[in-house]
C-alpha atoms as a PDB file:
ATOM      1  CA  UNK A   1     190.184  -6.564 127.790  1.00  0.00           C
ATOM      2  CA  UNK A   2     186.982  -8.205 128.996  1.00  0.00           C
ATOM      3  CA  UNK A   3     184.760  -7.080 131.855  1.00  0.00           C
ATOM      4  CA  UNK A   4     186.071  -9.558 134.401  1.00  0.00           C
ATOM      5  CA  UNK A   5     189.697  -8.955 133.445  1.00  0.00           C
ATOM      6  CA  UNK A   6     189.066  -5.235 133.976  1.00  0.00           C
ATOM      7  CA  UNK A   7     187.598  -5.841 137.440  1.00  0.00           C
ATOM      8  CA  UNK A   8     190.410  -8.194 138.420  1.00  0.00           C
ATOM      9  CA  UNK A   9     193.163  -5.842 137.238  1.00  0.00           C
ATOM     10  CA  UNK A  10     191.938  -2.514 138.596  1.00  0.00           C
ATOM     11  CA  UNK A  11     189.392  -3.120 141.334  1.00  0.00           C
ATOM     12  CA  UNK A  12     190.080  -6.436 143.100  1.00  0.00           C
ATOM     13  CA  UNK A  13     192.191  -6.572 146.260  1.00  0.00           C
ATOM     14  CA  UNK A  14     192.355  -9.043 149.140  1.00  0.00           C
ATOM     15  CA  UNK A  15     190.168  -8.362 152.174  1.00  0.00           C
ATOM     16  CA  UNK A  16     192.108  -6.997 155.137  1.00  0.00           C
ATOM     17  CA  UNK A  17     191.971  -9.436 158.058  1.00  0.00           C
ATOM     18  CA  UNK A  18     190.214  -8.450 161.242  1.00  0.00           C
ATOM     19  CA  UNK A  19     188.020  -5.756 159.726  1.00  0.00           C
ATOM     20  CA  UNK A  20     184.284  -5.409 159.206  1.00  0.00           C
ATOM     21  CA  UNK A  21     184.403  -6.981 155.729  1.00  0.00           C
ATOM     22  CA  UNK A  22     183.949 -10.739 155.975  1.00  0.00           C
ATOM     23  CA  UNK A  23     183.757 -11.300 152.200  1.00  0.00           C
ATOM     24  CA  UNK A  24     184.696  -8.898 149.432  1.00  0.00           C
ATOM     25  CA  UNK A  25     184.827  -8.924 145.624  1.00  0.00           C
ATOM     26  CA  UNK A  26     184.145 -12.204 143.832  1.00  0.00           C
ATOM     27  CA  UNK A  27     180.766 -13.538 144.990  1.00  0.00           C
ATOM     28  CA  UNK A  28     177.211 -12.440 144.245  1.00  0.00           C
ATOM     29  CA  UNK A  29     177.127 -10.528 147.528  1.00  0.00           C
ATOM     30  CA  UNK A  30     179.734  -9.136 149.899  1.00  0.00           C
ATOM     31  CA  UNK A  31     179.404  -9.766 153.630  1.00  0.00           C
ATOM     32  CA  UNK A  32     179.801  -7.094 156.295  1.00  0.00           C
ATOM     33  CA  UNK A  33     180.086  -7.705 160.029  1.00  0.00           C
ATOM     34  CA  UNK A  34     179.721  -4.401 161.923  1.00  0.00           C
ATOM     35  CA  UNK A  35     180.895  -4.380 165.506  1.00  0.00           C
ATOM     36  CA  UNK A  36     178.397  -5.208 168.288  1.00  0.00           C
ATOM     37  CA  UNK A  37     176.231  -2.249 169.240  1.00  0.00           C
ATOM     38  CA  UNK A  38     176.771  -0.534 165.889  1.00  0.00           C
ATOM     39  CA  UNK A  39     174.258   0.415 163.205  1.00  0.00           C
ATOM     40  CA  UNK A  40     175.048   0.415 159.493  1.00  0.00           C
ATOM     41  CA  UNK A  41     175.015   3.824 157.776  1.00  0.00           C
ATOM     42  CA  UNK A  42     174.446   3.541 154.018  1.00  0.00           C
ATOM     43  CA  UNK A  43     174.547   6.211 151.310  1.00  0.00           C
ATOM     44  CA  UNK A  44     174.678   6.322 147.512  1.00  0.00           C
ATOM     45  CA  UNK A  45     175.805   9.027 145.071  1.00  0.00           C
ATOM     46  CA  UNK A  46     176.070   9.111 141.289  1.00  0.00           C
ATOM     47  CA  UNK A  47     178.434  11.187 139.123  1.00  0.00           C
ATOM     48  CA  UNK A  48     177.492  11.675 135.460  1.00  0.00           C
ATOM     49  CA  UNK A  49     179.817  13.054 132.793  1.00  0.00           C
ATOM     50  CA  UNK A  50     178.712  16.482 131.600  1.00  0.00           C
ATOM     51  CA  UNK A  51     176.546  16.955 134.686  1.00  0.00           C
ATOM     52  CA  UNK A  52     178.928  16.487 137.601  1.00  0.00           C
ATOM     53  CA  UNK A  53     182.325  16.682 135.894  1.00  0.00           C
ATOM     54  CA  UNK A  54     183.971  17.803 132.660  1.00  0.00           C
ATOM     55  CA  UNK A  55     184.860  15.214 130.021  1.00  0.00           C
ATOM     56  CA  UNK A  56     188.563  16.109 130.259  1.00  0.00           C
ATOM     57  CA  UNK A  57     188.816  15.902 134.063  1.00  0.00           C
ATOM     58  CA  UNK A  58     191.922  14.228 135.472  1.00  0.00           C
ATOM     59  CA  UNK A  59     190.785  10.617 136.040  1.00  0.00           C
ATOM     60  CA  UNK A  60     192.814  10.374 139.250  1.00  0.00           C
ATOM     61  CA  UNK A  61     190.932  13.392 140.617  1.00  0.00           C
ATOM     62  CA  UNK A  62     187.639  11.909 139.425  1.00  0.00           C
ATOM     63  CA  UNK A  63     188.333   8.664 141.282  1.00  0.00           C
ATOM     64  CA  UNK A  64     189.055  10.657 144.432  1.00  0.00           C
ATOM     65  CA  UNK A  65     185.918  12.792 144.151  1.00  0.00           C
ATOM     66  CA  UNK A  66     183.643   9.848 143.350  1.00  0.00           C
ATOM     67  CA  UNK A  67     184.414   8.312 146.725  1.00  0.00           C
ATOM     68  CA  UNK A  68     184.874  11.599 148.611  1.00  0.00           C
ATOM     69  CA  UNK A  69     181.291  12.749 148.025  1.00  0.00           C
ATOM     70  CA  UNK A  70     180.031   9.481 149.507  1.00  0.00           C
ATOM     71  CA  UNK A  71     182.396   9.594 152.486  1.00  0.00           C
ATOM     72  CA  UNK A  72     181.084  13.112 153.092  1.00  0.00           C
ATOM     73  CA  UNK A  73     177.606  11.650 153.645  1.00  0.00           C
ATOM     74  CA  UNK A  74     179.023   9.260 156.242  1.00  0.00           C
ATOM     75  CA  UNK A  75     180.788  12.203 157.892  1.00  0.00           C
ATOM     76  CA  UNK A  76     177.499  14.087 158.138  1.00  0.00           C
ATOM     77  CA  UNK A  77     176.020  11.105 159.981  1.00  0.00           C
ATOM     78  CA  UNK A  78     179.007  10.733 162.316  1.00  0.00           C
ATOM     79  CA  UNK A  79     179.771   7.289 160.875  1.00  0.00           C
ATOM     80  CA  UNK A  80     183.095   5.526 160.466  1.00  0.00           C
ATOM     81  CA  UNK A  81     183.638   4.223 156.895  1.00  0.00           C
ATOM     82  CA  UNK A  82     183.736   0.468 156.384  1.00  0.00           C
ATOM     83  CA  UNK A  83     183.309  -0.412 152.706  1.00  0.00           C
ATOM     84  CA  UNK A  84     181.850   0.638 149.360  1.00  0.00           C
ATOM     85  CA  UNK A  85     180.607  -0.734 146.058  1.00  0.00           C
ATOM     86  CA  UNK A  86     181.327   0.735 142.626  1.00  0.00           C
ATOM     87  CA  UNK A  87     179.001   0.646 139.615  1.00  0.00           C
ATOM     88  CA  UNK A  88     180.876   1.962 136.586  1.00  0.00           C
ATOM     89  CA  UNK A  89     179.611   2.560 133.039  1.00  0.00           C
ATOM     90  CA  UNK A  90     182.425   3.096 130.519  1.00  0.00           C
ATOM     91  CA  UNK A  91     182.190   4.154 126.860  1.00  0.00           C
ATOM     92  CA  UNK A  92     185.314   2.066 126.142  1.00  0.00           C
ATOM     93  CA  UNK A  93     188.198   0.334 127.905  1.00  0.00           C
ATOM     94  CA  UNK A  94     190.947   2.931 128.280  1.00  0.00           C
ATOM     95  CA  UNK A  95     193.675   1.329 130.384  1.00  0.00           C
ATOM     96  CA  UNK A  96     195.662   4.498 131.297  1.00  0.00           C
ATOM     97  CA  UNK A  97     192.386   6.186 132.297  1.00  0.00           C
ATOM     98  CA  UNK A  98     191.360   3.195 134.419  1.00  0.00           C
ATOM     99  CA  UNK A  99     194.769   3.011 136.082  1.00  0.00           C
ATOM    100  CA  UNK A 100     194.581   6.662 137.121  1.00  0.00           C
ATOM    101  CA  UNK A 101     190.915   6.509 138.148  1.00  0.00           C
ATOM    102  CA  UNK A 102     191.455   3.406 140.278  1.00  0.00           C
ATOM    103  CA  UNK A 103     194.539   5.003 141.827  1.00  0.00           C
ATOM    104  CA  UNK A 104     192.664   8.100 142.990  1.00  0.00           C
ATOM    105  CA  UNK A 105     189.712   6.039 144.192  1.00  0.00           C
ATOM    106  CA  UNK A 106     191.697   3.462 146.132  1.00  0.00           C
ATOM    107  CA  UNK A 107     194.180   5.894 147.684  1.00  0.00           C
ATOM    108  CA  UNK A 108     191.319   7.767 149.317  1.00  0.00           C
ATOM    109  CA  UNK A 109     189.720   4.451 150.286  1.00  0.00           C
ATOM    110  CA  UNK A 110     192.934   3.344 151.977  1.00  0.00           C
ATOM    111  CA  UNK A 111     193.220   6.680 153.804  1.00  0.00           C
ATOM    112  CA  UNK A 112     189.844   5.965 155.425  1.00  0.00           C
ATOM    113  CA  UNK A 113     190.179   2.152 155.800  1.00  0.00           C
ATOM    114  CA  UNK A 114     187.205   1.770 153.454  1.00  0.00           C
ATOM    115  CA  UNK A 115     187.283  -1.390 151.341  1.00  0.00           C
ATOM    116  CA  UNK A 116     185.933  -1.878 147.816  1.00  0.00           C
ATOM    117  CA  UNK A 117     183.729  -4.963 148.141  1.00  0.00           C
ATOM    118  CA  UNK A 118     181.902  -5.270 144.813  1.00  0.00           C
ATOM    119  CA  UNK A 119     179.808  -3.525 142.205  1.00  0.00           C
ATOM    120  CA  UNK A 120     179.197  -3.716 138.479  1.00  0.00           C
ATOM    121  CA  UNK A 121     180.701  -2.607 135.166  1.00  0.00           C
ATOM    122  CA  UNK A 122     178.950  -2.059 131.857  1.00  0.00           C
ATOM    123  CA  UNK A 123     179.405  -0.314 128.527  1.00  0.00           C
ATOM    124  CA  UNK A 124     177.694   3.071 128.207  1.00  0.00           C
ATOM    125  CA  UNK A 125     178.119   6.800 128.758  1.00  0.00           C
ATOM    126  CA  UNK A 126     180.580   7.493 131.581  1.00  0.00           C
ATOM    127  CA  UNK A 127     178.664   7.165 134.838  1.00  0.00           C
ATOM    128  CA  UNK A 128     179.985   6.403 138.321  1.00  0.00           C
ATOM    129  CA  UNK A 129     177.721   5.226 141.128  1.00  0.00           C
ATOM    130  CA  UNK A 130     179.113   4.413 144.562  1.00  0.00           C
ATOM    131  CA  UNK A 131     177.303   3.015 147.582  1.00  0.00           C
ATOM    132  CA  UNK A 132     179.182   3.445 150.828  1.00  0.00           C
ATOM    133  CA  UNK A 133     178.730   1.644 154.147  1.00  0.00           C
ATOM    134  CA  UNK A 134     179.742   2.871 157.577  1.00  0.00           C
ATOM    135  CA  UNK A 135     179.029   2.154 161.201  1.00  0.00           C
ATOM    136  CA  UNK A 136     177.884   4.374 164.038  1.00  0.00           C
ATOM    137  CA  UNK A 137     177.009   3.492 167.650  1.00  0.00           C
ATOM    138  CA  UNK A 138     173.292   2.796 167.996  1.00  0.00           C
ATOM    139  CA  UNK A 139     171.420   5.988 168.845  1.00  0.00           C
ATOM    140  CA  UNK A 140     174.413   8.288 168.159  1.00  0.00           C
ATOM    141  CA  UNK A 141     173.958   9.026 164.452  1.00  0.00           C
ATOM    142  CA  UNK A 142     173.858  12.724 163.561  1.00  0.00           C
ATOM    143  CA  UNK A 143     170.527  13.466 161.877  1.00  0.00           C
ATOM    144  CA  UNK A 144     168.897  16.428 160.160  1.00  0.00           C
ATOM    145  CA  UNK A 145     165.971  16.411 162.568  1.00  0.00           C
ATOM    146  CA  UNK A 146     167.646  17.334 165.859  1.00  0.00           C
ATOM    147  CA  UNK A 147     168.094  21.131 165.631  1.00  0.00           C
ATOM    148  CA  UNK A 148     166.395  23.098 168.404  1.00  0.00           C
ATOM    149  CA  UNK A 149     165.641  26.802 168.846  1.00  0.00           C
ATOM    150  CA  UNK A 150     168.622  28.530 170.429  1.00  0.00           C
ATOM    151  CA  UNK A 151     171.194  26.160 168.917  1.00  0.00           C
ATOM    152  CA  UNK A 152     174.269  27.666 167.280  1.00  0.00           C
ATOM    153  CA  UNK A 153     174.799  27.022 163.559  1.00  0.00           C
ATOM    154  CA  UNK A 154     178.298  26.103 162.380  1.00  0.00           C
ATOM    155  CA  UNK A 155     180.029  25.261 159.130  1.00  0.00           C
ATOM    156  CA  UNK A 156     183.382  23.523 158.703  1.00  0.00           C
ATOM    157  CA  UNK A 157     186.292  24.584 156.541  1.00  0.00           C
ATOM    158  CA  UNK A 158     185.808  27.013 153.673  1.00  0.00           C
ATOM    159  CA  UNK A 159     182.987  27.486 151.200  1.00  0.00           C
ATOM    160  CA  UNK A 160     182.700  28.876 147.692  1.00  0.00           C
ATOM    161  CA  UNK A 161     186.037  27.953 146.145  1.00  0.00           C
ATOM    162  CA  UNK A 162     184.564  25.102 144.130  1.00  0.00           C
ATOM    163  CA  UNK A 163     182.041  27.507 142.588  1.00  0.00           C
ATOM    164  CA  UNK A 164     184.820  30.009 141.822  1.00  0.00           C
ATOM    165  CA  UNK A 165     186.740  27.263 140.031  1.00  0.00           C
ATOM    166  CA  UNK A 166     183.681  26.093 138.090  1.00  0.00           C
ATOM    167  CA  UNK A 167     182.822  29.607 136.925  1.00  0.00           C
ATOM    168  CA  UNK A 168     186.448  30.248 135.926  1.00  0.00           C
ATOM    169  CA  UNK A 169     186.656  26.999 133.952  1.00  0.00           C
ATOM    170  CA  UNK A 170     183.443  27.932 132.163  1.00  0.00           C
ATOM    171  CA  UNK A 171     184.850  31.359 131.300  1.00  0.00           C
ATOM    172  CA  UNK A 172     182.376  33.287 133.432  1.00  0.00           C
ATOM    173  CA  UNK A 173     184.747  34.834 135.992  1.00  0.00           C
ATOM    174  CA  UNK A 174     188.493  34.555 135.286  1.00  0.00           C
ATOM    175  CA  UNK A 175     190.964  33.608 138.005  1.00  0.00           C
ATOM    176  CA  UNK A 176     194.724  34.036 137.963  1.00  0.00           C
ATOM    177  CA  UNK A 177     196.427  30.693 137.341  1.00  0.00           C
ATOM    178  CA  UNK A 178     197.702  30.119 140.929  1.00  0.00           C
ATOM    179  CA  UNK A 179     194.300  30.949 142.407  1.00  0.00           C
ATOM    180  CA  UNK A 180     192.512  28.738 139.879  1.00  0.00           C
ATOM    181  CA  UNK A 181     194.803  25.844 140.743  1.00  0.00           C
ATOM    182  CA  UNK A 182     193.946  26.164 144.447  1.00  0.00           C
ATOM    183  CA  UNK A 183     190.233  26.627 143.871  1.00  0.00           C
ATOM    184  CA  UNK A 184     190.176  23.744 141.373  1.00  0.00           C
ATOM    185  CA  UNK A 185     191.673  21.495 144.032  1.00  0.00           C
ATOM    186  CA  UNK A 186     188.578  22.161 146.138  1.00  0.00           C
ATOM    187  CA  UNK A 187     186.292  21.431 143.185  1.00  0.00           C
ATOM    188  CA  UNK A 188     187.927  18.215 142.033  1.00  0.00           C
ATOM    189  CA  UNK A 189     189.461  16.796 145.231  1.00  0.00           C
ATOM    190  CA  UNK A 190     187.158  17.671 148.145  1.00  0.00           C
ATOM    191  CA  UNK A 191     188.100  16.590 151.659  1.00  0.00           C
ATOM    192  CA  UNK A 192     185.424  14.491 153.381  1.00  0.00           C
ATOM    193  CA  UNK A 193     185.184  15.621 157.008  1.00  0.00           C
ATOM    194  CA  UNK A 194     184.965  12.125 158.472  1.00  0.00           C
ATOM    195  CA  UNK A 195     187.075  12.829 161.557  1.00  0.00           C
ATOM    196  CA  UNK A 196     185.012  15.906 162.438  1.00  0.00           C
ATOM    197  CA  UNK A 197     181.727  14.045 161.979  1.00  0.00           C
ATOM    198  CA  UNK A 198     182.832  11.298 164.350  1.00  0.00           C
ATOM    199  CA  UNK A 199     184.103  13.852 166.879  1.00  0.00           C
ATOM    200  CA  UNK A 200     180.716  15.618 166.832  1.00  0.00           C
ATOM    201  CA  UNK A 201     178.798  12.535 167.990  1.00  0.00           C
ATOM    202  CA  UNK A 202     177.122  13.472 171.255  1.00  0.00           C
ATOM    203  CA  UNK A 203     177.954  17.148 170.648  1.00  0.00           C
ATOM    204  CA  UNK A 204     176.046  18.312 167.568  1.00  0.00           C
ATOM    205  CA  UNK A 205     172.257  18.275 167.616  1.00  0.00           C
ATOM    206  CA  UNK A 206     171.955  17.957 163.812  1.00  0.00           C
ATOM    207  CA  UNK A 207     174.233  17.827 160.780  1.00  0.00           C
ATOM    208  CA  UNK A 208     174.417  17.395 157.009  1.00  0.00           C
ATOM    209  CA  UNK A 209     177.027  17.860 154.320  1.00  0.00           C
ATOM    210  CA  UNK A 210     177.011  20.890 152.038  1.00  0.00           C
ATOM    211  CA  UNK A 211     176.773  19.635 148.469  1.00  0.00           C
ATOM    212  CA  UNK A 212     174.234  21.854 146.668  1.00  0.00           C
ATOM    213  CA  UNK A 213     174.893  25.120 148.534  1.00  0.00           C
ATOM    214  CA  UNK A 214     174.899  26.119 152.202  1.00  0.00           C
ATOM    215  CA  UNK A 215     171.523  27.850 152.406  1.00  0.00           C
ATOM    216  CA  UNK A 216     169.661  25.277 150.337  1.00  0.00           C
ATOM    217  CA  UNK A 217     171.151  22.386 152.272  1.00  0.00           C
ATOM    218  CA  UNK A 218     170.595  24.099 155.621  1.00  0.00           C
ATOM    219  CA  UNK A 219     166.940  24.386 154.652  1.00  0.00           C
ATOM    220  CA  UNK A 220     166.718  20.577 154.776  1.00  0.00           C
ATOM    221  CA  UNK A 221     167.749  20.664 158.443  1.00  0.00           C
ATOM    222  CA  UNK A 222     165.250  23.406 159.240  1.00  0.00           C
ATOM    223  CA  UNK A 223     162.371  21.534 157.609  1.00  0.00           C
ATOM    224  CA  UNK A 224     163.282  18.208 159.199  1.00  0.00           C
ATOM    225  CA  UNK A 225     163.590  19.864 162.627  1.00  0.00           C
ATOM    226  CA  UNK A 226     160.525  22.115 162.310  1.00  0.00           C
ATOM    227  CA  UNK A 227     162.513  25.289 163.075  1.00  0.00           C
ATOM    228  CA  UNK A 228     163.890  28.414 161.397  1.00  0.00           C
ATOM    229  CA  UNK A 229     167.241  30.167 161.467  1.00  0.00           C
ATOM    230  CA  UNK A 230     169.034  33.490 161.275  1.00  0.00           C
ATOM    231  CA  UNK A 231     172.387  33.665 159.448  1.00  0.00           C
ATOM    232  CA  UNK A 232     174.823  36.552 160.050  1.00  0.00           C
ATOM    233  CA  UNK A 233     176.300  37.292 156.611  1.00  0.00           C
ATOM    234  CA  UNK A 234     179.194  39.201 158.169  1.00  0.00           C
ATOM    235  CA  UNK A 235     180.410  35.882 159.606  1.00  0.00           C
ATOM    236  CA  UNK A 236     180.256  34.065 156.257  1.00  0.00           C
ATOM    237  CA  UNK A 237     182.186  36.327 153.883  1.00  0.00           C
ATOM    238  CA  UNK A 238     185.574  35.135 155.180  1.00  0.00           C
ATOM    239  CA  UNK A 239     184.624  31.503 154.552  1.00  0.00           C
ATOM    240  CA  UNK A 240     185.825  31.731 150.962  1.00  0.00           C
ATOM    241  CA  UNK A 241     189.508  30.879 150.981  1.00  0.00           C
ATOM    242  CA  UNK A 242     190.047  32.251 147.474  1.00  0.00           C
ATOM    243  CA  UNK A 243     189.200  35.750 148.705  1.00  0.00           C
ATOM    244  CA  UNK A 244     192.537  35.695 150.548  1.00  0.00           C
ATOM    245  CA  UNK A 245     194.599  34.960 147.412  1.00  0.00           C
ATOM    246  CA  UNK A 246     196.356  38.275 146.728  1.00  0.00           C
ATOM    247  CA  UNK A 247     197.173  37.416 143.119  1.00  0.00           C
ATOM    248  CA  UNK A 248     193.602  36.345 142.380  1.00  0.00           C
ATOM    249  CA  UNK A 249     191.066  38.152 140.271  1.00  0.00           C
ATOM    250  CA  UNK A 250     188.658  37.063 143.014  1.00  0.00           C
ATOM    251  CA  UNK A 251     189.891  40.039 145.028  1.00  0.00           C
ATOM    252  CA  UNK A 252     188.175  42.262 142.474  1.00  0.00           C
ATOM    253  CA  UNK A 253     184.873  40.411 142.539  1.00  0.00           C
ATOM    254  CA  UNK A 254     181.672  42.037 143.683  1.00  0.00           C
ATOM    255  CA  UNK A 255     180.857  41.117 147.287  1.00  0.00           C
ATOM    256  CA  UNK A 256     177.447  39.839 146.202  1.00  0.00           C
ATOM    257  CA  UNK A 257     179.093  37.409 143.787  1.00  0.00           C
ATOM    258  CA  UNK A 258     181.401  36.094 146.510  1.00  0.00           C
ATOM    259  CA  UNK A 259     178.418  35.691 148.838  1.00  0.00           C
ATOM    260  CA  UNK A 260     176.620  33.772 146.091  1.00  0.00           C
ATOM    261  CA  UNK A 261     179.585  31.405 145.867  1.00  0.00           C
ATOM    262  CA  UNK A 262     179.700  30.968 149.643  1.00  0.00           C
ATOM    263  CA  UNK A 263     175.995  30.609 150.339  1.00  0.00           C
ATOM    264  CA  UNK A 264     174.792  28.768 147.250  1.00  0.00           C
ATOM    265  CA  UNK A 265     177.832  27.672 145.251  1.00  0.00           C
ATOM    266  CA  UNK A 266     177.707  23.940 145.961  1.00  0.00           C
ATOM    267  CA  UNK A 267     180.327  21.173 145.647  1.00  0.00           C
ATOM    268  CA  UNK A 268     181.873  22.216 148.976  1.00  0.00           C
ATOM    269  CA  UNK A 269     181.411  18.925 150.890  1.00  0.00           C
ATOM    270  CA  UNK A 270     181.857  20.650 154.224  1.00  0.00           C
ATOM    271  CA  UNK A 271     179.653  19.937 157.245  1.00  0.00           C
ATOM    272  CA  UNK A 272     176.903  22.281 158.417  1.00  0.00           C
ATOM    273  CA  UNK A 273     175.746  21.435 161.930  1.00  0.00           C
ATOM    274  CA  UNK A 274     173.983  22.772 164.986  1.00  0.00           C
ATOM    275  CA  UNK A 275     174.818  22.513 168.672  1.00  0.00           C
ATOM    276  CA  UNK A 276     173.514  24.016 171.902  1.00  0.00           C
ATOM    277  CA  UNK A 277     175.407  27.091 173.169  1.00  0.00           C
ATOM    278  CA  UNK A 278     176.411  25.084 176.227  1.00  0.00           C
ATOM    279  CA  UNK A 279     178.372  22.798 173.868  1.00  0.00           C
ATOM    280  CA  UNK A 280     180.621  25.503 172.382  1.00  0.00           C
ATOM    281  CA  UNK A 281     183.711  24.262 174.200  1.00  0.00           C
ATOM    282  CA  UNK A 282     182.944  20.709 173.051  1.00  0.00           C
ATOM    283  CA  UNK A 283     182.554  21.905 169.435  1.00  0.00           C
ATOM    284  CA  UNK A 284     185.928  23.662 169.656  1.00  0.00           C
ATOM    285  CA  UNK A 285     187.467  20.497 171.083  1.00  0.00           C
ATOM    286  CA  UNK A 286     186.006  18.411 168.243  1.00  0.00           C
ATOM    287  CA  UNK A 287     187.406  20.877 165.705  1.00  0.00           C
ATOM    288  CA  UNK A 288     190.873  20.703 167.273  1.00  0.00           C
ATOM    289  CA  UNK A 289     190.823  16.914 167.600  1.00  0.00           C
ATOM    290  CA  UNK A 290     189.880  16.498 163.927  1.00  0.00           C
ATOM    291  CA  UNK A 291     192.165  19.256 162.633  1.00  0.00           C
ATOM    292  CA  UNK A 292     189.177  20.975 161.014  1.00  0.00           C
ATOM    293  CA  UNK A 293     188.345  24.669 161.470  1.00  0.00           C
ATOM    294  CA  UNK A 294     184.703  25.520 162.172  1.00  0.00           C
ATOM    295  CA  UNK A 295     182.880  28.861 162.088  1.00  0.00           C
ATOM    296  CA  UNK A 296     179.746  29.819 164.013  1.00  0.00           C
ATOM    297  CA  UNK A 297     177.508  31.665 161.530  1.00  0.00           C
ATOM    298  CA  UNK A 298     174.027  31.882 163.030  1.00  0.00           C
ATOM    299  CA  UNK A 299     171.356  30.653 165.389  1.00  0.00           C
ATOM    300  CA  UNK A 300     168.349  28.340 165.167  1.00  0.00           C
ATOM    301  CA  UNK A 301     165.002  30.051 165.868  1.00  0.00           C
ATOM    302  CA  UNK A 302     161.442  28.966 166.626  1.00  0.00           C
ATOM    303  CA  UNK A 303     159.954  30.947 163.742  1.00  0.00           C
ATOM    304  CA  UNK A 304     160.062  28.877 160.519  1.00  0.00           C
ATOM    305  CA  UNK A 305     162.086  30.184 157.576  1.00  0.00           C
ATOM    306  CA  UNK A 306     165.630  31.287 156.933  1.00  0.00           C
ATOM    307  CA  UNK A 307     166.558  34.918 157.617  1.00  0.00           C
ATOM    308  CA  UNK A 308     169.763  36.733 156.631  1.00  0.00           C
ATOM    309  CA  UNK A 309     171.123  39.725 158.532  1.00  0.00           C
ATOM    310  CA  UNK A 310     174.151  42.014 158.246  1.00  0.00           C
ATOM    311  CA  UNK A 311     176.683  42.861 160.955  1.00  0.00           C
ATOM    312  CA  UNK A 312     174.251  45.346 162.505  1.00  0.00           C
ATOM    313  CA  UNK A 313     171.460  42.790 162.629  1.00  0.00           C
ATOM    314  CA  UNK A 314     169.525  44.406 159.772  1.00  0.00           C
ATOM    315  CA  UNK A 315     167.536  42.132 157.494  1.00  0.00           C
ATOM    316  CA  UNK A 316     169.105  41.347 154.092  1.00  0.00           C
ATOM    317  CA  UNK A 317     166.493  40.743 151.419  1.00  0.00           C
ATOM    318  CA  UNK A 318     168.759  39.302 148.725  1.00  0.00           C
ATOM    319  CA  UNK A 319     167.927  35.703 147.736  1.00  0.00           C
ATOM    320  CA  UNK A 320     170.477  32.992 146.951  1.00  0.00           C
ATOM    321  CA  UNK A 321     169.403  29.977 144.905  1.00  0.00           C
ATOM    322  CA  UNK A 322     171.193  26.691 145.546  1.00  0.00           C
ATOM    323  CA  UNK A 323     171.690  23.993 142.918  1.00  0.00           C
ATOM    324  CA  UNK A 324     168.766  21.769 141.907  1.00  0.00           C
ATOM    325  CA  UNK A 325     169.152  19.069 139.240  1.00  0.00           C
ATOM    326  CA  UNK A 326     165.584  19.552 138.014  1.00  0.00           C
ATOM    327  CA  UNK A 327     165.061  23.283 138.534  1.00  0.00           C
END
């Protein structure tokens, strides 16, 4: 099968009428037409075999995750997905693999009305690069730079399960089979919080998605906003869903290990955001409207730096290192 046959068979579909995509796959460029008063939100993420996923990963799950991590960036900006491009390097043409990969990719795309509008294919080590496009009303994008002293700090969903799954798959910390299956779902098929991000427009003062670990990613908000923060660790320990699995070996894990998974595990693709205390009811309404639980875990402070405290407000000196590709 040649390159263009591959594209036509697995990745070419007609443009849906009436949407933001004026021209899709087939020309040198696609054409987007965002609605009046909207700004384009654009993000790009790359997944590399052996770095971001195992060689034997389910290709359907890989297709899902490849797009999900990009949709998560749009969610963090409060943007509605419009379209995406796919650049795909393949070591060989494996038709069953491509069928499954395209299925996972395009099912998630359809769930978010996000159209595949172009890209590139080449021979090489397995590498997936997606650029996603969304739209957000002018002046309403959620940014990292808007946190203010006194704001509450929230996180959506659960954290740490992806790290539990990764460590179990690498043989570092075993999990019972049912617990591993549930944690692995979080690692390989994350849920982009697009509905929550859109509901937080005009409510949250800042936001970003948690990809490399909560504390490390939250540090980006603090630096961009010129503020510090205090995190109550007693409010974070229940964020790890796997800790509630009664049949799981996770129940026997050291609390410090579970906190490491929660605070610095990475691959969570939840939203961390800030909002003024006066907006608590609006945050709760956004959570209900989007069907996404949120937890208030701390407060933004004037003093730079990130401080951790226990339930009694005592300083916790333990350090948690988030993921860094080049560390």
